């Protein structure tokens, strides 16, 4: 009888210990995927390579990439919390911050180093020749800032030309029918305009760091999931480096994933920014820092009435994710 009681006691103690161990062991909760929306501009596409090559997974983060041809139409959903992150031009980001200050740019993903151009009719040879002419641009956006900076090189202002609201895709036909004499555009519309006899007056090579794209995240996601964002940044940078080293393979991966023609994917005039370049962008002492370029946009948008006041620019950028990487 005593032996039986001893066995029962041992059994009860063992069961209690096992129960205690199981209770105290933390249950791993699977984090939801980071939802990031992007559009079709080539500089926004390294994320596809990161996804397909498993770079995000290798860094320890699940990412759901949502492709929309015009991501700016989804900004309201981003503000409402449907997405964690969104790609954006610097200019759009500044405007977006006026209605949603709890967002931050965490990485510069590309810079236009010649992809953006002002193309003119063949009879117009210099920027100075634009005086009194009609100039097409997407007004109220980075496009207007770009052409304004161009005009400064010839000591002209927007008052010296007639600005016409146009999308980049409309420029070739408008040049052809003479409703404008010059306009801001990019590929593939640039090639179309060149075939019609267009003459390149100015490119983004002449405006270092002015035209760039970022990935911005909602403040809530940054506060709640900093390690996931850091992993996302690492995976994105790895993909950018991979694409630059394997251009044709990268194009093939993106073409297959998005079902778009290979010939629409060109890195010409685009710099996919690396870690070192990002660290320079986030240094306020750098002449081409993101803060100084953002000030150009903010000043312009206040003058043009797109914003009531200049935001606190330093609070709009979070350098910790870049600066923490070796």
C-alpha atoms as a PDB file:
ATOM      1  CA  UNK A   1       0.000   0.000   0.000  1.00  0.00           C
ATOM      2  CA  UNK A   2       2.830   2.407   0.934  1.00  0.00           C
ATOM      3  CA  UNK A   3       4.588   1.546  -2.301  1.00  0.00           C
ATOM      4  CA  UNK A   4       1.401   2.329  -4.246  1.00  0.00           C
ATOM      5  CA  UNK A   5       1.014   5.678  -2.482  1.00  0.00           C
ATOM      6  CA  UNK A   6       4.652   6.461  -3.227  1.00  0.00           C
ATOM      7  CA  UNK A   7       4.095   5.769  -6.959  1.00  0.00           C
ATOM      8  CA  UNK A   8       0.949   7.898  -6.969  1.00  0.00           C
ATOM      9  CA  UNK A   9       2.819  10.758  -5.254  1.00  0.00           C
ATOM     10  CA  UNK A  10       5.659  10.554  -7.780  1.00  0.00           C
ATOM     11  CA  UNK A  11       3.149  10.572 -10.628  1.00  0.00           C
ATOM     12  CA  UNK A  12       1.296  13.621  -9.276  1.00  0.00           C
ATOM     13  CA  UNK A  13       4.535  15.564  -8.686  1.00  0.00           C
ATOM     14  CA  UNK A  14       5.807  14.709 -12.185  1.00  0.00           C
ATOM     15  CA  UNK A  15       2.513  15.746 -13.773  1.00  0.00           C
ATOM     16  CA  UNK A  16       2.547  19.045 -11.867  1.00  0.00           C
ATOM     17  CA  UNK A  17       6.116  19.752 -12.957  1.00  0.00           C
ATOM     18  CA  UNK A  18       5.288  19.034 -16.585  1.00  0.00           C
ATOM     19  CA  UNK A  19       2.215  21.250 -16.373  1.00  0.00           C
ATOM     20  CA  UNK A  20       4.253  24.043 -14.817  1.00  0.00           C
ATOM     21  CA  UNK A  21       6.863  23.795 -17.561  1.00  0.00           C
ATOM     22  CA  UNK A  22       4.251  23.941 -20.280  1.00  0.00           C
ATOM     23  CA  UNK A  23       2.486  26.869 -18.636  1.00  0.00           C
ATOM     24  CA  UNK A  24       5.637  28.918 -18.207  1.00  0.00           C
ATOM     25  CA  UNK A  25       6.899  28.321 -21.762  1.00  0.00           C
ATOM     26  CA  UNK A  26       6.079  31.388 -23.874  1.00  0.00           C
ATOM     27  CA  UNK A  27       3.817  30.803 -26.814  1.00  0.00           C
ATOM     28  CA  UNK A  28       5.351  32.227 -29.970  1.00  0.00           C
ATOM     29  CA  UNK A  29       2.856  34.500 -31.685  1.00  0.00           C
ATOM     30  CA  UNK A  30       3.304  34.768 -35.430  1.00  0.00           C
ATOM     31  CA  UNK A  31       3.509  38.389 -36.465  1.00  0.00           C
ATOM     32  CA  UNK A  32       1.384  39.479 -39.407  1.00  0.00           C
ATOM     33  CA  UNK A  33       3.143  40.303 -42.653  1.00  0.00           C
ATOM     34  CA  UNK A  34       4.235  43.881 -43.209  1.00  0.00           C
ATOM     35  CA  UNK A  35       1.887  45.234 -45.854  1.00  0.00           C
ATOM     36  CA  UNK A  36       3.679  47.580 -48.248  1.00  0.00           C
ATOM     37  CA  UNK A  37       2.084  49.085 -51.332  1.00  0.00           C
ATOM     38  CA  UNK A  38       4.099  50.139 -54.373  1.00  0.00           C
ATOM     39  CA  UNK A  39       3.498  51.445 -57.895  1.00  0.00           C
ATOM     40  CA  UNK A  40       5.068  50.709 -61.266  1.00  0.00           C
ATOM     41  CA  UNK A  41       8.078  53.027 -61.371  1.00  0.00           C
ATOM     42  CA  UNK A  42      11.246  50.989 -61.853  1.00  0.00           C
ATOM     43  CA  UNK A  43      12.881  52.314 -58.677  1.00  0.00           C
ATOM     44  CA  UNK A  44      10.015  50.844 -56.634  1.00  0.00           C
ATOM     45  CA  UNK A  45      10.527  47.308 -57.930  1.00  0.00           C
ATOM     46  CA  UNK A  46      13.524  45.866 -56.019  1.00  0.00           C
ATOM     47  CA  UNK A  47      11.015  44.653 -53.437  1.00  0.00           C
ATOM     48  CA  UNK A  48       9.800  42.107 -55.992  1.00  0.00           C
ATOM     49  CA  UNK A  49      13.318  40.692 -56.230  1.00  0.00           C
ATOM     50  CA  UNK A  50      13.595  40.634 -52.426  1.00  0.00           C
ATOM     51  CA  UNK A  51      10.343  38.686 -52.255  1.00  0.00           C
ATOM     52  CA  UNK A  52      11.088  36.243 -55.065  1.00  0.00           C
ATOM     53  CA  UNK A  53      14.687  35.574 -53.989  1.00  0.00           C
ATOM     54  CA  UNK A  54      13.671  35.138 -50.348  1.00  0.00           C
ATOM     55  CA  UNK A  55      15.709  38.081 -49.044  1.00  0.00           C
ATOM     56  CA  UNK A  56      12.931  39.318 -46.749  1.00  0.00           C
ATOM     57  CA  UNK A  57      12.395  35.827 -45.329  1.00  0.00           C
ATOM     58  CA  UNK A  58      16.120  35.387 -44.766  1.00  0.00           C
ATOM     59  CA  UNK A  59      16.127  38.582 -42.730  1.00  0.00           C
ATOM     60  CA  UNK A  60      13.291  37.233 -40.577  1.00  0.00           C
ATOM     61  CA  UNK A  61      10.291  39.249 -41.751  1.00  0.00           C
ATOM     62  CA  UNK A  62       7.172  38.334 -43.693  1.00  0.00           C
ATOM     63  CA  UNK A  63       6.248  40.960 -46.272  1.00  0.00           C
ATOM     64  CA  UNK A  64       3.108  41.311 -48.341  1.00  0.00           C
ATOM     65  CA  UNK A  65       3.765  43.525 -51.342  1.00  0.00           C
ATOM     66  CA  UNK A  66       0.696  45.088 -52.929  1.00  0.00           C
ATOM     67  CA  UNK A  67       1.148  46.373 -56.472  1.00  0.00           C
ATOM     68  CA  UNK A  68      -1.071  49.191 -57.745  1.00  0.00           C
ATOM     69  CA  UNK A  69      -0.341  51.041 -60.943  1.00  0.00           C
ATOM     70  CA  UNK A  70      -1.060  54.334 -59.202  1.00  0.00           C
ATOM     71  CA  UNK A  71      -0.162  53.923 -55.549  1.00  0.00           C
ATOM     72  CA  UNK A  72      -1.002  57.563 -54.793  1.00  0.00           C
ATOM     73  CA  UNK A  73      -4.689  56.644 -55.169  1.00  0.00           C
ATOM     74  CA  UNK A  74      -4.225  54.350 -52.161  1.00  0.00           C
ATOM     75  CA  UNK A  75      -2.880  57.051 -49.857  1.00  0.00           C
ATOM     76  CA  UNK A  76      -6.227  57.345 -48.067  1.00  0.00           C
ATOM     77  CA  UNK A  77      -6.154  53.610 -47.309  1.00  0.00           C
ATOM     78  CA  UNK A  78      -2.576  53.981 -46.087  1.00  0.00           C
ATOM     79  CA  UNK A  79      -3.646  56.809 -43.780  1.00  0.00           C
ATOM     80  CA  UNK A  80      -6.518  54.655 -42.509  1.00  0.00           C
ATOM     81  CA  UNK A  81      -4.116  51.864 -41.535  1.00  0.00           C
ATOM     82  CA  UNK A  82      -4.825  49.384 -44.341  1.00  0.00           C
ATOM     83  CA  UNK A  83      -1.117  49.278 -45.174  1.00  0.00           C
ATOM     84  CA  UNK A  84       1.988  49.552 -43.015  1.00  0.00           C
ATOM     85  CA  UNK A  85       4.163  51.176 -45.644  1.00  0.00           C
ATOM     86  CA  UNK A  86       3.999  52.862 -49.022  1.00  0.00           C
ATOM     87  CA  UNK A  87       6.466  53.983 -51.669  1.00  0.00           C
ATOM     88  CA  UNK A  88       6.382  57.688 -52.397  1.00  0.00           C
ATOM     89  CA  UNK A  89       8.281  60.420 -54.168  1.00  0.00           C
ATOM     90  CA  UNK A  90       9.813  62.913 -51.761  1.00  0.00           C
ATOM     91  CA  UNK A  91       7.443  65.626 -52.948  1.00  0.00           C
ATOM     92  CA  UNK A  92       4.318  63.519 -52.410  1.00  0.00           C
ATOM     93  CA  UNK A  93       5.590  62.494 -48.996  1.00  0.00           C
ATOM     94  CA  UNK A  94       5.909  66.124 -47.897  1.00  0.00           C
ATOM     95  CA  UNK A  95       2.355  66.881 -49.013  1.00  0.00           C
ATOM     96  CA  UNK A  96       1.022  63.692 -47.410  1.00  0.00           C
ATOM     97  CA  UNK A  97       2.607  64.674 -44.101  1.00  0.00           C
ATOM     98  CA  UNK A  98       0.396  67.772 -43.968  1.00  0.00           C
ATOM     99  CA  UNK A  99      -2.669  65.602 -43.368  1.00  0.00           C
ATOM    100  CA  UNK A 100      -0.919  62.654 -41.712  1.00  0.00           C
ATOM    101  CA  UNK A 101       2.035  63.806 -39.593  1.00  0.00           C
ATOM    102  CA  UNK A 102       2.475  60.396 -37.919  1.00  0.00           C
ATOM    103  CA  UNK A 103       4.485  58.905 -40.792  1.00  0.00           C
ATOM    104  CA  UNK A 104       8.216  58.682 -41.390  1.00  0.00           C
ATOM    105  CA  UNK A 105      10.552  57.987 -44.284  1.00  0.00           C
ATOM    106  CA  UNK A 106      12.960  55.188 -43.381  1.00  0.00           C
ATOM    107  CA  UNK A 107      14.912  54.547 -46.600  1.00  0.00           C
ATOM    108  CA  UNK A 108      15.616  56.331 -49.889  1.00  0.00           C
ATOM    109  CA  UNK A 109      15.164  53.664 -52.546  1.00  0.00           C
ATOM    110  CA  UNK A 110      16.143  55.489 -55.726  1.00  0.00           C
ATOM    111  CA  UNK A 111      17.334  58.755 -57.201  1.00  0.00           C
ATOM    112  CA  UNK A 112      16.709  60.072 -60.706  1.00  0.00           C
ATOM    113  CA  UNK A 113      20.099  60.769 -62.296  1.00  0.00           C
ATOM    114  CA  UNK A 114      18.918  61.509 -65.813  1.00  0.00           C
ATOM    115  CA  UNK A 115      15.646  59.608 -66.121  1.00  0.00           C
ATOM    116  CA  UNK A 116      13.600  62.809 -65.771  1.00  0.00           C
ATOM    117  CA  UNK A 117      13.985  65.207 -68.677  1.00  0.00           C
ATOM    118  CA  UNK A 118      12.541  68.366 -70.139  1.00  0.00           C
ATOM    119  CA  UNK A 119      12.204  67.813 -73.857  1.00  0.00           C
ATOM    120  CA  UNK A 120      11.420  70.558 -76.337  1.00  0.00           C
ATOM    121  CA  UNK A 121      10.587  71.083 -79.971  1.00  0.00           C
ATOM    122  CA  UNK A 122      13.673  71.023 -82.166  1.00  0.00           C
ATOM    123  CA  UNK A 123      13.718  74.810 -82.688  1.00  0.00           C
ATOM    124  CA  UNK A 124      14.234  75.373 -78.935  1.00  0.00           C
ATOM    125  CA  UNK A 125      17.904  74.834 -78.152  1.00  0.00           C
ATOM    126  CA  UNK A 126      18.406  76.226 -74.624  1.00  0.00           C
ATOM    127  CA  UNK A 127      16.463  76.742 -71.410  1.00  0.00           C
ATOM    128  CA  UNK A 128      16.602  80.515 -72.068  1.00  0.00           C
ATOM    129  CA  UNK A 129      14.661  79.913 -75.305  1.00  0.00           C
ATOM    130  CA  UNK A 130      11.659  78.863 -73.207  1.00  0.00           C
ATOM    131  CA  UNK A 131      10.858  82.443 -72.250  1.00  0.00           C
ATOM    132  CA  UNK A 132       7.272  83.160 -73.280  1.00  0.00           C
ATOM    133  CA  UNK A 133       6.705  79.535 -74.334  1.00  0.00           C
ATOM    134  CA  UNK A 134       4.276  76.879 -73.072  1.00  0.00           C
ATOM    135  CA  UNK A 135       5.876  74.329 -70.735  1.00  0.00           C
ATOM    136  CA  UNK A 136       4.053  71.148 -69.727  1.00  0.00           C
ATOM    137  CA  UNK A 137       4.417  69.691 -66.219  1.00  0.00           C
ATOM    138  CA  UNK A 138       2.369  67.963 -63.536  1.00  0.00           C
ATOM    139  CA  UNK A 139       1.672  71.076 -61.507  1.00  0.00           C
ATOM    140  CA  UNK A 140       1.678  70.969 -57.731  1.00  0.00           C
ATOM    141  CA  UNK A 141       4.033  67.976 -57.650  1.00  0.00           C
ATOM    142  CA  UNK A 142       7.746  67.229 -57.884  1.00  0.00           C
ATOM    143  CA  UNK A 143       7.369  67.861 -61.628  1.00  0.00           C
ATOM    144  CA  UNK A 144       6.709  71.560 -61.085  1.00  0.00           C
ATOM    145  CA  UNK A 145       9.586  71.778 -58.617  1.00  0.00           C
ATOM    146  CA  UNK A 146      11.870  70.153 -61.200  1.00  0.00           C
ATOM    147  CA  UNK A 147      10.995  72.574 -64.015  1.00  0.00           C
ATOM    148  CA  UNK A 148      11.231  75.510 -61.600  1.00  0.00           C
ATOM    149  CA  UNK A 149      14.783  74.478 -60.691  1.00  0.00           C
ATOM    150  CA  UNK A 150      15.559  74.166 -64.407  1.00  0.00           C
ATOM    151  CA  UNK A 151      14.298  77.678 -65.124  1.00  0.00           C
ATOM    152  CA  UNK A 152      16.575  79.052 -62.410  1.00  0.00           C
ATOM    153  CA  UNK A 153      19.609  77.932 -64.420  1.00  0.00           C
ATOM    154  CA  UNK A 154      18.673  80.507 -67.085  1.00  0.00           C
ATOM    155  CA  UNK A 155      17.646  83.161 -64.544  1.00  0.00           C
ATOM    156  CA  UNK A 156      13.997  82.558 -65.386  1.00  0.00           C
ATOM    157  CA  UNK A 157      11.007  81.956 -63.118  1.00  0.00           C
ATOM    158  CA  UNK A 158       7.647  80.293 -63.724  1.00  0.00           C
ATOM    159  CA  UNK A 159       6.286  83.773 -64.504  1.00  0.00           C
ATOM    160  CA  UNK A 160       8.511  83.850 -67.596  1.00  0.00           C
ATOM    161  CA  UNK A 161       6.777  80.817 -69.137  1.00  0.00           C
ATOM    162  CA  UNK A 162       3.235  79.543 -69.495  1.00  0.00           C
ATOM    163  CA  UNK A 163       2.935  76.410 -67.357  1.00  0.00           C
ATOM    164  CA  UNK A 164       0.428  73.855 -68.631  1.00  0.00           C
ATOM    165  CA  UNK A 165      -0.939  71.007 -66.489  1.00  0.00           C
ATOM    166  CA  UNK A 166       0.010  67.744 -68.208  1.00  0.00           C
ATOM    167  CA  UNK A 167       0.942  64.182 -67.309  1.00  0.00           C
ATOM    168  CA  UNK A 168       4.254  62.782 -68.584  1.00  0.00           C
ATOM    169  CA  UNK A 169       2.384  60.487 -70.992  1.00  0.00           C
ATOM    170  CA  UNK A 170       0.759  63.468 -72.724  1.00  0.00           C
ATOM    171  CA  UNK A 171       3.968  65.330 -73.561  1.00  0.00           C
ATOM    172  CA  UNK A 172       4.869  63.710 -76.936  1.00  0.00           C
ATOM    173  CA  UNK A 173       1.481  64.331 -78.556  1.00  0.00           C
ATOM    174  CA  UNK A 174       1.238  67.873 -77.169  1.00  0.00           C
ATOM    175  CA  UNK A 175       4.664  68.682 -78.597  1.00  0.00           C
ATOM    176  CA  UNK A 176       3.582  67.263 -81.924  1.00  0.00           C
ATOM    177  CA  UNK A 177       0.426  69.375 -82.160  1.00  0.00           C
ATOM    178  CA  UNK A 178       2.225  72.479 -80.817  1.00  0.00           C
ATOM    179  CA  UNK A 179      -0.033  73.034 -77.793  1.00  0.00           C
ATOM    180  CA  UNK A 180       3.205  73.131 -75.784  1.00  0.00           C
ATOM    181  CA  UNK A 181       6.769  73.809 -76.812  1.00  0.00           C
ATOM    182  CA  UNK A 182       8.467  71.794 -74.062  1.00  0.00           C
ATOM    183  CA  UNK A 183       7.534  69.428 -71.251  1.00  0.00           C
ATOM    184  CA  UNK A 184       8.728  67.225 -68.409  1.00  0.00           C
ATOM    185  CA  UNK A 185       8.577  63.492 -69.087  1.00  0.00           C
ATOM    186  CA  UNK A 186      10.430  60.178 -68.783  1.00  0.00           C
ATOM    187  CA  UNK A 187      10.600  56.783 -70.450  1.00  0.00           C
ATOM    188  CA  UNK A 188       8.865  55.309 -72.350  1.00  0.00           C
ATOM    189  CA  UNK A 189       7.328  58.659 -73.383  1.00  0.00           C
ATOM    190  CA  UNK A 190      10.751  60.219 -73.869  1.00  0.00           C
ATOM    191  CA  UNK A 191      11.599  57.823 -76.709  1.00  0.00           C
ATOM    192  CA  UNK A 192       8.287  58.635 -78.354  1.00  0.00           C
ATOM    193  CA  UNK A 193       9.001  62.373 -78.163  1.00  0.00           C
ATOM    194  CA  UNK A 194      12.525  61.883 -79.487  1.00  0.00           C
ATOM    195  CA  UNK A 195      11.171  60.036 -82.550  1.00  0.00           C
ATOM    196  CA  UNK A 196       9.039  63.097 -83.246  1.00  0.00           C
ATOM    197  CA  UNK A 197      12.139  65.282 -83.353  1.00  0.00           C
ATOM    198  CA  UNK A 198      12.285  66.369 -79.729  1.00  0.00           C
ATOM    199  CA  UNK A 199      15.370  67.978 -78.245  1.00  0.00           C
ATOM    200  CA  UNK A 200      16.477  67.284 -74.651  1.00  0.00           C
ATOM    201  CA  UNK A 201      17.000  70.592 -72.837  1.00  0.00           C
ATOM    202  CA  UNK A 202      17.582  69.500 -69.262  1.00  0.00           C
ATOM    203  CA  UNK A 203      17.850  66.294 -67.205  1.00  0.00           C
ATOM    204  CA  UNK A 204      17.820  65.310 -63.559  1.00  0.00           C
ATOM    205  CA  UNK A 205      21.591  64.793 -63.763  1.00  0.00           C
ATOM    206  CA  UNK A 206      21.679  68.553 -63.244  1.00  0.00           C
ATOM    207  CA  UNK A 207      19.586  68.448 -60.053  1.00  0.00           C
ATOM    208  CA  UNK A 208      21.383  66.000 -57.709  1.00  0.00           C
ATOM    209  CA  UNK A 209      19.096  64.367 -55.121  1.00  0.00           C
ATOM    210  CA  UNK A 210      16.098  66.513 -56.098  1.00  0.00           C
ATOM    211  CA  UNK A 211      14.006  63.647 -57.460  1.00  0.00           C
ATOM    212  CA  UNK A 212      14.021  60.599 -55.231  1.00  0.00           C
ATOM    213  CA  UNK A 213      11.646  57.961 -53.903  1.00  0.00           C
ATOM    214  CA  UNK A 214      11.333  56.662 -50.363  1.00  0.00           C
ATOM    215  CA  UNK A 215       9.520  54.041 -48.383  1.00  0.00           C
ATOM    216  CA  UNK A 216       7.480  55.527 -45.591  1.00  0.00           C
ATOM    217  CA  UNK A 217       5.876  53.697 -42.692  1.00  0.00           C
ATOM    218  CA  UNK A 218       3.064  54.598 -40.354  1.00  0.00           C
ATOM    219  CA  UNK A 219       4.198  55.734 -36.919  1.00  0.00           C
ATOM    220  CA  UNK A 220       2.265  52.942 -35.228  1.00  0.00           C
ATOM    221  CA  UNK A 221       4.141  50.291 -37.197  1.00  0.00           C
ATOM    222  CA  UNK A 222       7.492  51.965 -36.508  1.00  0.00           C
ATOM    223  CA  UNK A 223       6.803  52.002 -32.773  1.00  0.00           C
ATOM    224  CA  UNK A 224       5.374  48.479 -32.576  1.00  0.00           C
ATOM    225  CA  UNK A 225       7.592  46.620 -35.044  1.00  0.00           C
ATOM    226  CA  UNK A 226      11.001  48.300 -35.344  1.00  0.00           C
ATOM    227  CA  UNK A 227      12.880  45.015 -35.809  1.00  0.00           C
ATOM    228  CA  UNK A 228      10.585  44.000 -38.672  1.00  0.00           C
ATOM    229  CA  UNK A 229      11.162  47.326 -40.400  1.00  0.00           C
ATOM    230  CA  UNK A 230      14.912  46.986 -39.897  1.00  0.00           C
ATOM    231  CA  UNK A 231      14.736  43.516 -41.469  1.00  0.00           C
ATOM    232  CA  UNK A 232      12.654  44.923 -44.321  1.00  0.00           C
ATOM    233  CA  UNK A 233      15.260  47.623 -44.991  1.00  0.00           C
ATOM    234  CA  UNK A 234      18.060  45.032 -45.007  1.00  0.00           C
ATOM    235  CA  UNK A 235      16.149  42.835 -47.459  1.00  0.00           C
ATOM    236  CA  UNK A 236      15.366  45.774 -49.750  1.00  0.00           C
ATOM    237  CA  UNK A 237      18.984  46.949 -49.863  1.00  0.00           C
ATOM    238  CA  UNK A 238      20.120  43.393 -50.575  1.00  0.00           C
ATOM    239  CA  UNK A 239      17.698  43.236 -53.512  1.00  0.00           C
ATOM    240  CA  UNK A 240      18.865  46.591 -54.916  1.00  0.00           C
ATOM    241  CA  UNK A 241      22.483  45.436 -54.800  1.00  0.00           C
ATOM    242  CA  UNK A 242      21.542  42.132 -56.403  1.00  0.00           C
ATOM    243  CA  UNK A 243      19.656  43.790 -59.262  1.00  0.00           C
ATOM    244  CA  UNK A 244      22.522  46.147 -60.086  1.00  0.00           C
ATOM    245  CA  UNK A 245      24.871  43.151 -60.237  1.00  0.00           C
ATOM    246  CA  UNK A 246      22.418  40.957 -62.190  1.00  0.00           C
ATOM    247  CA  UNK A 247      20.482  43.401 -64.355  1.00  0.00           C
ATOM    248  CA  UNK A 248      18.928  40.977 -66.849  1.00  0.00           C
ATOM    249  CA  UNK A 249      18.004  38.367 -64.250  1.00  0.00           C
ATOM    250  CA  UNK A 250      16.428  41.054 -62.091  1.00  0.00           C
ATOM    251  CA  UNK A 251      14.378  42.314 -65.020  1.00  0.00           C
ATOM    252  CA  UNK A 252      13.243  38.771 -65.796  1.00  0.00           C
ATOM    253  CA  UNK A 253      12.148  38.172 -62.188  1.00  0.00           C
ATOM    254  CA  UNK A 254      10.111  41.384 -62.121  1.00  0.00           C
ATOM    255  CA  UNK A 255       8.666  40.859 -65.601  1.00  0.00           C
ATOM    256  CA  UNK A 256       7.395  37.410 -64.648  1.00  0.00           C
ATOM    257  CA  UNK A 257       6.059  38.442 -61.245  1.00  0.00           C
ATOM    258  CA  UNK A 258       4.171  41.508 -62.472  1.00  0.00           C
ATOM    259  CA  UNK A 259       3.400  40.204 -65.976  1.00  0.00           C
ATOM    260  CA  UNK A 260       4.874  43.263 -67.648  1.00  0.00           C
ATOM    261  CA  UNK A 261       7.078  43.423 -70.794  1.00  0.00           C
ATOM    262  CA  UNK A 262      10.820  43.195 -70.297  1.00  0.00           C
ATOM    263  CA  UNK A 263      11.437  46.243 -72.480  1.00  0.00           C
ATOM    264  CA  UNK A 264       9.566  48.470 -70.005  1.00  0.00           C
ATOM    265  CA  UNK A 265      12.174  47.733 -67.327  1.00  0.00           C
ATOM    266  CA  UNK A 266      15.265  49.899 -67.602  1.00  0.00           C
ATOM    267  CA  UNK A 267      17.596  51.229 -64.941  1.00  0.00           C
ATOM    268  CA  UNK A 268      18.978  53.867 -67.295  1.00  0.00           C
ATOM    269  CA  UNK A 269      19.048  57.209 -65.499  1.00  0.00           C
ATOM    270  CA  UNK A 270      18.036  55.598 -62.196  1.00  0.00           C
ATOM    271  CA  UNK A 271      20.294  54.980 -59.233  1.00  0.00           C
ATOM    272  CA  UNK A 272      19.060  52.286 -56.852  1.00  0.00           C
ATOM    273  CA  UNK A 273      20.537  53.738 -53.695  1.00  0.00           C
ATOM    274  CA  UNK A 274      22.708  51.575 -51.457  1.00  0.00           C
ATOM    275  CA  UNK A 275      23.408  51.671 -47.724  1.00  0.00           C
ATOM    276  CA  UNK A 276      26.329  54.084 -47.958  1.00  0.00           C
ATOM    277  CA  UNK A 277      24.328  56.539 -50.056  1.00  0.00           C
ATOM    278  CA  UNK A 278      21.420  56.309 -47.644  1.00  0.00           C
ATOM    279  CA  UNK A 279      23.668  57.110 -44.705  1.00  0.00           C
ATOM    280  CA  UNK A 280      24.780  60.255 -46.538  1.00  0.00           C
ATOM    281  CA  UNK A 281      21.190  61.195 -47.359  1.00  0.00           C
ATOM    282  CA  UNK A 282      20.306  61.042 -43.670  1.00  0.00           C
ATOM    283  CA  UNK A 283      23.239  63.241 -42.616  1.00  0.00           C
ATOM    284  CA  UNK A 284      21.959  66.778 -42.124  1.00  0.00           C
ATOM    285  CA  UNK A 285      25.446  68.192 -42.823  1.00  0.00           C
ATOM    286  CA  UNK A 286      25.486  66.695 -46.326  1.00  0.00           C
ATOM    287  CA  UNK A 287      24.745  69.346 -49.011  1.00  0.00           C
ATOM    288  CA  UNK A 288      22.431  66.851 -50.739  1.00  0.00           C
ATOM    289  CA  UNK A 289      20.812  65.524 -47.557  1.00  0.00           C
ATOM    290  CA  UNK A 290      17.186  64.481 -47.576  1.00  0.00           C
ATOM    291  CA  UNK A 291      16.427  67.235 -45.072  1.00  0.00           C
ATOM    292  CA  UNK A 292      17.720  70.009 -47.338  1.00  0.00           C
ATOM    293  CA  UNK A 293      15.930  68.646 -50.376  1.00  0.00           C
ATOM    294  CA  UNK A 294      12.730  68.273 -48.351  1.00  0.00           C
ATOM    295  CA  UNK A 295      13.029  71.951 -47.409  1.00  0.00           C
ATOM    296  CA  UNK A 296      13.064  72.876 -51.120  1.00  0.00           C
ATOM    297  CA  UNK A 297       9.788  71.019 -51.592  1.00  0.00           C
ATOM    298  CA  UNK A 298       8.192  72.321 -48.405  1.00  0.00           C
ATOM    299  CA  UNK A 299       9.036  75.930 -49.278  1.00  0.00           C
ATOM    300  CA  UNK A 300       7.610  75.459 -52.761  1.00  0.00           C
ATOM    301  CA  UNK A 301       4.385  73.834 -51.553  1.00  0.00           C
ATOM    302  CA  UNK A 302       3.783  76.618 -49.020  1.00  0.00           C
ATOM    303  CA  UNK A 303       4.338  79.271 -51.688  1.00  0.00           C
ATOM    304  CA  UNK A 304       2.005  77.493 -54.103  1.00  0.00           C
ATOM    305  CA  UNK A 305      -0.717  77.016 -51.481  1.00  0.00           C
ATOM    306  CA  UNK A 306      -0.497  73.209 -51.318  1.00  0.00           C
ATOM    307  CA  UNK A 307       0.468  73.436 -47.636  1.00  0.00           C
ATOM    308  CA  UNK A 308      -0.288  75.983 -44.924  1.00  0.00           C
ATOM    309  CA  UNK A 309       3.028  75.729 -43.128  1.00  0.00           C
ATOM    310  CA  UNK A 310       6.387  74.026 -43.318  1.00  0.00           C
ATOM    311  CA  UNK A 311       6.343  70.782 -41.289  1.00  0.00           C
ATOM    312  CA  UNK A 312       8.998  69.855 -38.743  1.00  0.00           C
ATOM    313  CA  UNK A 313      11.162  68.155 -41.340  1.00  0.00           C
ATOM    314  CA  UNK A 314      13.504  66.280 -39.008  1.00  0.00           C
ATOM    315  CA  UNK A 315      10.559  64.470 -37.448  1.00  0.00           C
ATOM    316  CA  UNK A 316       9.485  63.177 -40.874  1.00  0.00           C
ATOM    317  CA  UNK A 317      12.587  61.042 -41.348  1.00  0.00           C
ATOM    318  CA  UNK A 318      13.776  58.176 -39.192  1.00  0.00           C
ATOM    319  CA  UNK A 319      17.462  57.492 -39.728  1.00  0.00           C
ATOM    320  CA  UNK A 320      17.729  54.791 -37.061  1.00  0.00           C
ATOM    321  CA  UNK A 321      16.986  51.899 -39.432  1.00  0.00           C
ATOM    322  CA  UNK A 322      19.737  52.933 -41.833  1.00  0.00           C
ATOM    323  CA  UNK A 323      22.295  54.046 -39.251  1.00  0.00           C
ATOM    324  CA  UNK A 324      21.985  50.828 -37.249  1.00  0.00           C
ATOM    325  CA  UNK A 325      23.190  48.765 -40.205  1.00  0.00           C
ATOM    326  CA  UNK A 326      26.916  48.068 -40.560  1.00  0.00           C
END
